[in-house]
């Protein structure tokens, strides 16, 4: 199903499919306040909308830091070494 996600603006469920995590994990990761370590998203009515660019930024930030994000557990684990 992820192959069908070509939109630049994603729902929580689409973002979860893209990241291969549960929707509840994505809810834990989003923020509309630009909090470091979170995925910037906006609420439209009662629903969240996330741009693909913000997901890419989030993943790049996690890859380039001294911390590794465990997306399945939504906790930050310090890398050894």
PDB file of N, CA and C in Angstrom:
ATOM      1  N   UNK A   1       0.803  -1.203   0.000  1.00  0.00           N
ATOM      2  CA  UNK A   1       0.000   0.000   0.000  1.00  0.00           C
ATOM      3  C   UNK A   1       0.847   1.268   0.000  1.00  0.00           C
ATOM      4  N   UNK A   2       2.046   1.206   0.550  1.00  0.00           N
ATOM      5  CA  UNK A   2       2.878   2.397   0.637  1.00  0.00           C
ATOM      6  C   UNK A   2       3.215   2.932  -0.751  1.00  0.00           C
ATOM      7  N   UNK A   3       3.301   2.048  -1.751  1.00  0.00           N
ATOM      8  CA  UNK A   3       3.625   2.480  -3.102  1.00  0.00           C
ATOM      9  C   UNK A   3       2.606   3.484  -3.627  1.00  0.00           C
ATOM     10  N   UNK A   4       1.376   3.412  -3.140  1.00  0.00           N
ATOM     11  CA  UNK A   4       0.311   4.298  -3.599  1.00  0.00           C
ATOM     12  C   UNK A   4       0.361   5.680  -2.944  1.00  0.00           C
ATOM     13  N   UNK A   5       1.216   5.856  -1.961  1.00  0.00           N
ATOM     14  CA  UNK A   5       1.301   7.139  -1.263  1.00  0.00           C
ATOM     15  C   UNK A   5       2.239   8.049  -2.046  1.00  0.00           C
ATOM     16  N   UNK A   6       1.677   8.880  -2.890  1.00  0.00           N
ATOM     17  CA  UNK A   6       2.469   9.786  -3.708  1.00  0.00           C
ATOM     18  C   UNK A   6       2.200  11.242  -3.354  1.00  0.00           C
ATOM     19  N   UNK A   7       1.246  11.465  -2.480  1.00  0.00           N
ATOM     20  CA  UNK A   7       0.904  12.829  -2.098  1.00  0.00           C
ATOM     21  C   UNK A   7       2.007  13.454  -1.266  1.00  0.00           C
ATOM     22  N   UNK A   8       2.101  14.771  -1.331  1.00  0.00           N
ATOM     23  CA  UNK A   8       3.052  15.489  -0.495  1.00  0.00           C
ATOM     24  C   UNK A   8       2.490  15.737   0.897  1.00  0.00           C
ATOM     25  N   UNK A   9       1.182  15.655   1.042  1.00  0.00           N
ATOM     26  CA  UNK A   9       0.537  15.849   2.339  1.00  0.00           C
ATOM     27  C   UNK A   9      -0.096  14.527   2.754  1.00  0.00           C
ATOM     28  N   UNK A  10       0.293  14.040   3.926  1.00  0.00           N
ATOM     29  CA  UNK A  10      -0.112  12.716   4.377  1.00  0.00           C
ATOM     30  C   UNK A  10      -0.996  12.779   5.615  1.00  0.00           C
ATOM     31  N   UNK A  11      -1.832  11.778   5.769  1.00  0.00           N
ATOM     32  CA  UNK A  11      -2.597  11.594   6.993  1.00  0.00           C
ATOM     33  C   UNK A  11      -1.729  10.813   7.979  1.00  0.00           C
ATOM     34  N   UNK A  12      -2.194  10.677   9.200  1.00  0.00           N
ATOM     35  CA  UNK A  12      -1.487   9.882  10.203  1.00  0.00           C
ATOM     36  C   UNK A  12      -1.311   8.444   9.715  1.00  0.00           C
ATOM     37  N   UNK A  13      -2.366   7.853   9.171  1.00  0.00           N
ATOM     38  CA  UNK A  13      -2.286   6.467   8.702  1.00  0.00           C
ATOM     39  C   UNK A  13      -1.294   6.309   7.558  1.00  0.00           C
ATOM     40  N   UNK A  14      -1.274   7.262   6.630  1.00  0.00           N
ATOM     41  CA  UNK A  14      -0.319   7.195   5.524  1.00  0.00           C
ATOM     42  C   UNK A  14       1.115   7.349   6.030  1.00  0.00           C
ATOM     43  N   UNK A  15       1.322   8.260   6.966  1.00  0.00           N
ATOM     44  CA  UNK A  15       2.655   8.447   7.548  1.00  0.00           C
ATOM     45  C   UNK A  15       3.096   7.182   8.283  1.00  0.00           C
ATOM     46  N   UNK A  16       2.165   6.542   8.976  1.00  0.00           N
ATOM     47  CA  UNK A  16       2.474   5.295   9.687  1.00  0.00           C
ATOM     48  C   UNK A  16       2.899   4.208   8.702  1.00  0.00           C
ATOM     49  N   UNK A  17       2.193   4.110   7.580  1.00  0.00           N
ATOM     50  CA  UNK A  17       2.570   3.130   6.556  1.00  0.00           C
ATOM     51  C   UNK A  17       3.959   3.433   6.001  1.00  0.00           C
ATOM     52  N   UNK A  18       4.213   4.691   5.747  1.00  0.00           N
ATOM     53  CA  UNK A  18       5.497   5.107   5.197  1.00  0.00           C
ATOM     54  C   UNK A  18       6.642   4.803   6.166  1.00  0.00           C
ATOM     55  N   UNK A  19       6.425   5.081   7.457  1.00  0.00           N
ATOM     56  CA  UNK A  19       7.454   4.855   8.475  1.00  0.00           C
ATOM     57  C   UNK A  19       7.474   3.420   8.998  1.00  0.00           C
ATOM     58  N   UNK A  20       6.455   2.640   8.620  1.00  0.00           N
ATOM     59  CA  UNK A  20       6.318   1.249   9.066  1.00  0.00           C
ATOM     60  C   UNK A  20       6.206   1.154  10.591  1.00  0.00           C
ATOM     61  N   UNK A  21       5.346   2.023  11.123  1.00  0.00           N
ATOM     62  CA  UNK A  21       5.025   2.022  12.546  1.00  0.00           C
ATOM     63  C   UNK A  21       3.508   2.115  12.681  1.00  0.00           C
ATOM     64  N   UNK A  22       3.021   2.017  13.889  1.00  0.00           N
ATOM     65  CA  UNK A  22       1.580   2.119  14.103  1.00  0.00           C
ATOM     66  C   UNK A  22       1.144   3.585  14.083  1.00  0.00           C
ATOM     67  N   UNK A  23      -0.126   3.837  13.777  1.00  0.00           N
ATOM     68  CA  UNK A  23      -0.626   5.212  13.829  1.00  0.00           C
ATOM     69  C   UNK A  23      -0.444   5.844  15.209  1.00  0.00           C
ATOM     70  N   UNK A  24      -0.576   5.061  16.269  1.00  0.00           N
ATOM     71  CA  UNK A  24      -0.404   5.636  17.618  1.00  0.00           C
ATOM     72  C   UNK A  24       1.030   6.124  17.832  1.00  0.00           C
ATOM     73  N   UNK A  25       1.998   5.468  17.219  1.00  0.00           N
ATOM     74  CA  UNK A  25       3.386   5.930  17.305  1.00  0.00           C
ATOM     75  C   UNK A  25       3.543   7.268  16.598  1.00  0.00           C
ATOM     76  N   UNK A  26       2.894   7.415  15.443  1.00  0.00           N
ATOM     77  CA  UNK A  26       2.969   8.680  14.713  1.00  0.00           C
ATOM     78  C   UNK A  26       2.324   9.798  15.537  1.00  0.00           C
ATOM     79  N   UNK A  27       1.184   9.506  16.174  1.00  0.00           N
ATOM     80  CA  UNK A  27       0.558  10.509  17.046  1.00  0.00           C
ATOM     81  C   UNK A  27       1.538  10.962  18.122  1.00  0.00           C
ATOM     82  N   UNK A  28       2.325  10.036  18.673  1.00  0.00           N
ATOM     83  CA  UNK A  28       3.309  10.390  19.697  1.00  0.00           C
ATOM     84  C   UNK A  28       4.452  11.227  19.141  1.00  0.00           C
ATOM     85  N   UNK A  29       4.728  11.081  17.853  1.00  0.00           N
ATOM     86  CA  UNK A  29       5.864  11.763  17.237  1.00  0.00           C
ATOM     87  C   UNK A  29       5.545  13.136  16.661  1.00  0.00           C
ATOM     88  N   UNK A  30       4.271  13.470  16.491  1.00  0.00           N
ATOM     89  CA  UNK A  30       3.932  14.744  15.849  1.00  0.00           C
ATOM     90  C   UNK A  30       3.755  15.875  16.857  1.00  0.00           C
ATOM     91  N   UNK A  31       4.024  17.079  16.381  1.00  0.00           N
ATOM     92  CA  UNK A  31       3.840  18.296  17.170  1.00  0.00           C
ATOM     93  C   UNK A  31       3.581  19.448  16.217  1.00  0.00           C
ATOM     94  N   UNK A  32       2.726  20.373  16.630  1.00  0.00           N
ATOM     95  CA  UNK A  32       2.489  21.558  15.793  1.00  0.00           C
ATOM     96  C   UNK A  32       3.258  22.764  16.311  1.00  0.00           C
ATOM     97  N   UNK A  33       4.209  22.522  17.204  1.00  0.00           N
ATOM     98  CA  UNK A  33       4.965  23.616  17.806  1.00  0.00           C
ATOM     99  C   UNK A  33       6.433  23.648  17.378  1.00  0.00           C
ATOM    100  N   UNK A  34       6.831  22.800  16.460  1.00  0.00           N
ATOM    101  CA  UNK A  34       8.218  22.792  16.016  1.00  0.00           C
ATOM    102  C   UNK A  34       9.185  22.301  17.077  1.00  0.00           C
ATOM    103  N   UNK A  35       8.772  21.333  17.863  1.00  0.00           N
ATOM    104  CA  UNK A  35       9.600  20.789  18.937  1.00  0.00           C
ATOM    105  C   UNK A  35      10.714  19.933  18.330  1.00  0.00           C
ATOM    106  N   UNK A  36      11.975  20.178  18.722  1.00  0.00           N
ATOM    107  CA  UNK A  36      13.066  19.351  18.204  1.00  0.00           C
ATOM    108  C   UNK A  36      12.829  17.877  18.535  1.00  0.00           C
ATOM    109  N   UNK A  37      13.123  17.020  17.578  1.00  0.00           N
ATOM    110  CA  UNK A  37      12.941  15.590  17.786  1.00  0.00           C
ATOM    111  C   UNK A  37      11.541  15.099  17.458  1.00  0.00           C
ATOM    112  N   UNK A  38      10.664  16.007  17.061  1.00  0.00           N
ATOM    113  CA  UNK A  38       9.296  15.640  16.690  1.00  0.00           C
ATOM    114  C   UNK A  38       9.075  15.940  15.210  1.00  0.00           C
ATOM    115  N   UNK A  39       8.032  15.345  14.657  1.00  0.00           N
ATOM    116  CA  UNK A  39       7.656  15.612  13.271  1.00  0.00           C
ATOM    117  C   UNK A  39       6.680  16.785  13.287  1.00  0.00           C
ATOM    118  N   UNK A  40       7.033  17.860  12.584  1.00  0.00           N
ATOM    119  CA  UNK A  40       6.148  19.017  12.530  1.00  0.00           C
ATOM    120  C   UNK A  40       4.926  18.670  11.684  1.00  0.00           C
ATOM    121  N   UNK A  41       3.744  18.912  12.231  1.00  0.00           N
ATOM    122  CA  UNK A  41       2.496  18.622  11.541  1.00  0.00           C
ATOM    123  C   UNK A  41       1.475  19.698  11.902  1.00  0.00           C
ATOM    124  N   UNK A  42       0.418  19.751  11.145  1.00  0.00           N
ATOM    125  CA  UNK A  42      -0.660  20.708  11.406  1.00  0.00           C
ATOM    126  C   UNK A  42      -1.976  19.978  11.531  1.00  0.00           C
ATOM    127  N   UNK A  43      -2.830  20.503  12.396  1.00  0.00           N
ATOM    128  CA  UNK A  43      -4.169  19.955  12.535  1.00  0.00           C
ATOM    129  C   UNK A  43      -5.098  20.657  11.553  1.00  0.00           C
ATOM    130  N   UNK A  44      -5.890  19.873  10.875  1.00  0.00           N
ATOM    131  CA  UNK A  44      -6.930  20.371   9.984  1.00  0.00           C
ATOM    132  C   UNK A  44      -8.226  19.795  10.535  1.00  0.00           C
ATOM    133  N   UNK A  45      -8.981  20.645  11.213  1.00  0.00           N
ATOM    134  CA  UNK A  45     -10.141  20.131  11.938  1.00  0.00           C
ATOM    135  C   UNK A  45      -9.650  19.273  13.083  1.00  0.00           C
ATOM    136  N   UNK A  46     -10.060  18.027  13.105  1.00  0.00           N
ATOM    137  CA  UNK A  46      -9.587  17.098  14.137  1.00  0.00           C
ATOM    138  C   UNK A  46      -8.474  16.187  13.652  1.00  0.00           C
ATOM    139  N   UNK A  47      -8.117  16.314  12.381  1.00  0.00           N
ATOM    140  CA  UNK A  47      -7.124  15.422  11.782  1.00  0.00           C
ATOM    141  C   UNK A  47      -5.765  16.097  11.645  1.00  0.00           C
ATOM    142  N   UNK A  48      -4.719  15.319  11.754  1.00  0.00           N
ATOM    143  CA  UNK A  48      -3.367  15.802  11.532  1.00  0.00           C
ATOM    144  C   UNK A  48      -2.995  15.635  10.075  1.00  0.00           C
ATOM    145  N   UNK A  49      -2.204  16.559   9.559  1.00  0.00           N
ATOM    146  CA  UNK A  49      -1.642  16.470   8.216  1.00  0.00           C
ATOM    147  C   UNK A  49      -0.136  16.699   8.326  1.00  0.00           C
ATOM    148  N   UNK A  50       0.613  15.839   7.657  1.00  0.00           N
ATOM    149  CA  UNK A  50       2.068  15.864   7.727  1.00  0.00           C
ATOM    150  C   UNK A  50       2.610  15.925   6.305  1.00  0.00           C
ATOM    151  N   UNK A  51       3.551  16.829   6.064  1.00  0.00           N
ATOM    152  CA  UNK A  51       4.153  16.860   4.730  1.00  0.00           C
ATOM    153  C   UNK A  51       5.258  15.810   4.659  1.00  0.00           C
ATOM    154  N   UNK A  52       5.435  15.291   3.482  1.00  0.00           N
ATOM    155  CA  UNK A  52       6.485  14.300   3.245  1.00  0.00           C
ATOM    156  C   UNK A  52       7.855  14.898   3.576  1.00  0.00           C
ATOM    157  N   UNK A  53       8.009  16.190   3.297  1.00  0.00           N
ATOM    158  CA  UNK A  53       9.267  16.882   3.587  1.00  0.00           C
ATOM    159  C   UNK A  53       9.584  16.836   5.083  1.00  0.00           C
ATOM    160  N   UNK A  54       8.564  17.014   5.930  1.00  0.00           N
ATOM    161  CA  UNK A  54       8.778  16.974   7.379  1.00  0.00           C
ATOM    162  C   UNK A  54       9.194  15.586   7.850  1.00  0.00           C
ATOM    163  N   UNK A  55       8.644  14.560   7.227  1.00  0.00           N
ATOM    164  CA  UNK A  55       9.063  13.194   7.572  1.00  0.00           C
ATOM    165  C   UNK A  55      10.514  12.986   7.162  1.00  0.00           C
ATOM    166  N   UNK A  56      10.869  13.441   5.965  1.00  0.00           N
ATOM    167  CA  UNK A  56      12.259  13.344   5.513  1.00  0.00           C
ATOM    168  C   UNK A  56      13.197  14.106   6.443  1.00  0.00           C
ATOM    169  N   UNK A  57      12.791  15.309   6.864  1.00  0.00           N
ATOM    170  CA  UNK A  57      13.604  16.099   7.799  1.00  0.00           C
ATOM    171  C   UNK A  57      13.787  15.362   9.121  1.00  0.00           C
ATOM    172  N   UNK A  58      12.717  14.783   9.623  1.00  0.00           N
ATOM    173  CA  UNK A  58      12.760  14.032  10.880  1.00  0.00           C
ATOM    174  C   UNK A  58      13.744  12.872  10.774  1.00  0.00           C
ATOM    175  N   UNK A  59      13.656  12.107   9.693  1.00  0.00           N
ATOM    176  CA  UNK A  59      14.535  10.955   9.522  1.00  0.00           C
ATOM    177  C   UNK A  59      15.989  11.384   9.340  1.00  0.00           C
ATOM    178  N   UNK A  60      16.221  12.468   8.610  1.00  0.00           N
ATOM    179  CA  UNK A  60      17.579  12.974   8.422  1.00  0.00           C
ATOM    180  C   UNK A  60      18.172  13.458   9.738  1.00  0.00           C
ATOM    181  N   UNK A  61      17.351  14.132  10.526  1.00  0.00           N
ATOM    182  CA  UNK A  61      17.792  14.638  11.833  1.00  0.00           C
ATOM    183  C   UNK A  61      18.192  13.485  12.740  1.00  0.00           C
ATOM    184  N   UNK A  62      17.416  12.427  12.738  1.00  0.00           N
ATOM    185  CA  UNK A  62      17.712  11.275  13.588  1.00  0.00           C
ATOM    186  C   UNK A  62      18.954  10.548  13.112  1.00  0.00           C
ATOM    187  N   UNK A  63      19.145  10.467  11.803  1.00  0.00           N
ATOM    188  CA  UNK A  63      20.294   9.773  11.237  1.00  0.00           C
ATOM    189  C   UNK A  63      21.592  10.515  11.543  1.00  0.00           C
ATOM    190  N   UNK A  64      21.551  11.841  11.540  1.00  0.00           N
ATOM    191  CA  UNK A  64      22.752  12.638  11.714  1.00  0.00           C
ATOM    192  C   UNK A  64      23.079  13.007  13.149  1.00  0.00           C
ATOM    193  N   UNK A  65      22.290  12.569  14.103  1.00  0.00           N
ATOM    194  CA  UNK A  65      22.528  12.969  15.493  1.00  0.00           C
ATOM    195  C   UNK A  65      23.288  11.882  16.255  1.00  0.00           C
ATOM    196  N   UNK A  66      23.616  12.168  17.504  1.00  0.00           N
ATOM    197  CA  UNK A  66      24.262  11.190  18.363  1.00  0.00           C
ATOM    198  C   UNK A  66      23.247  10.275  19.026  1.00  0.00           C
ATOM    199  N   UNK A  67      22.011  10.398  18.616  1.00  0.00           N
ATOM    200  CA  UNK A  67      20.947   9.590  19.176  1.00  0.00           C
ATOM    201  C   UNK A  67      20.271   8.803  18.071  1.00  0.00           C
ATOM    202  N   UNK A  68      19.727   7.680  18.443  1.00  0.00           N
ATOM    203  CA  UNK A  68      19.023   6.841  17.481  1.00  0.00           C
ATOM    204  C   UNK A  68      17.589   6.721  17.961  1.00  0.00           C
ATOM    205  N   UNK A  69      16.670   6.892  17.073  1.00  0.00           N
ATOM    206  CA  UNK A  69      15.263   6.821  17.450  1.00  0.00           C
ATOM    207  C   UNK A  69      14.758   5.414  17.255  1.00  0.00           C
ATOM    208  N   UNK A  70      14.192   4.871  18.285  1.00  0.00           N
ATOM    209  CA  UNK A  70      13.547   3.578  18.194  1.00  0.00           C
ATOM    210  C   UNK A  70      12.081   3.849  17.906  1.00  0.00           C
ATOM    211  N   UNK A  71      11.708   3.860  16.627  1.00  0.00           N
ATOM    212  CA  UNK A  71      10.361   4.234  16.245  1.00  0.00           C
ATOM    213  C   UNK A  71       9.320   3.263  16.772  1.00  0.00           C
ATOM    214  N   UNK A  72       9.682   2.010  16.956  1.00  0.00           N
ATOM    215  CA  UNK A  72       8.705   1.049  17.437  1.00  0.00           C
ATOM    216  C   UNK A  72       8.350   1.302  18.898  1.00  0.00           C
ATOM    217  N   UNK A  73       9.257   1.914  19.650  1.00  0.00           N
ATOM    218  CA  UNK A  73       9.007   2.157  21.062  1.00  0.00           C
ATOM    219  C   UNK A  73       8.899   3.639  21.389  1.00  0.00           C
ATOM    220  N   UNK A  74       9.116   4.509  20.423  1.00  0.00           N
ATOM    221  CA  UNK A  74       9.110   5.969  20.576  1.00  0.00           C
ATOM    222  C   UNK A  74       9.944   6.432  21.765  1.00  0.00           C
ATOM    223  N   UNK A  75      11.149   5.874  21.858  1.00  0.00           N
ATOM    224  CA  UNK A  75      12.051   6.335  22.889  1.00  0.00           C
ATOM    225  C   UNK A  75      13.404   6.643  22.249  1.00  0.00           C
ATOM    226  N   UNK A  76      14.146   7.524  22.865  1.00  0.00           N
ATOM    227  CA  UNK A  76      15.454   7.891  22.347  1.00  0.00           C
ATOM    228  C   UNK A  76      16.492   7.086  23.089  1.00  0.00           C
ATOM    229  N   UNK A  77      17.367   6.438  22.329  1.00  0.00           N
ATOM    230  CA  UNK A  77      18.404   5.588  22.914  1.00  0.00           C
ATOM    231  C   UNK A  77      19.748   6.176  22.511  1.00  0.00           C
ATOM    232  N   UNK A  78      20.620   6.434  23.495  1.00  0.00           N
ATOM    233  CA  UNK A  78      21.938   6.978  23.214  1.00  0.00           C
ATOM    234  C   UNK A  78      22.773   5.908  22.525  1.00  0.00           C
ATOM    235  N   UNK A  79      23.414   6.297  21.407  1.00  0.00           N
ATOM    236  CA  UNK A  79      24.280   5.369  20.705  1.00  0.00           C
ATOM    237  C   UNK A  79      25.548   5.142  21.505  1.00  0.00           C
ATOM    238  N   UNK A  80      26.033   3.921  21.492  1.00  0.00           N
ATOM    239  CA  UNK A  80      27.311   3.658  22.144  1.00  0.00           C
ATOM    240  C   UNK A  80      28.422   3.831  21.124  1.00  0.00           C
ATOM    241  N   UNK A  81      29.433   4.602  21.501  1.00  0.00           N
ATOM    242  CA  UNK A  81      30.571   4.802  20.617  1.00  0.00           C
ATOM    243  C   UNK A  81      30.567   6.011  19.872  1.00  0.00           C
TER     244      UNK A  81
END
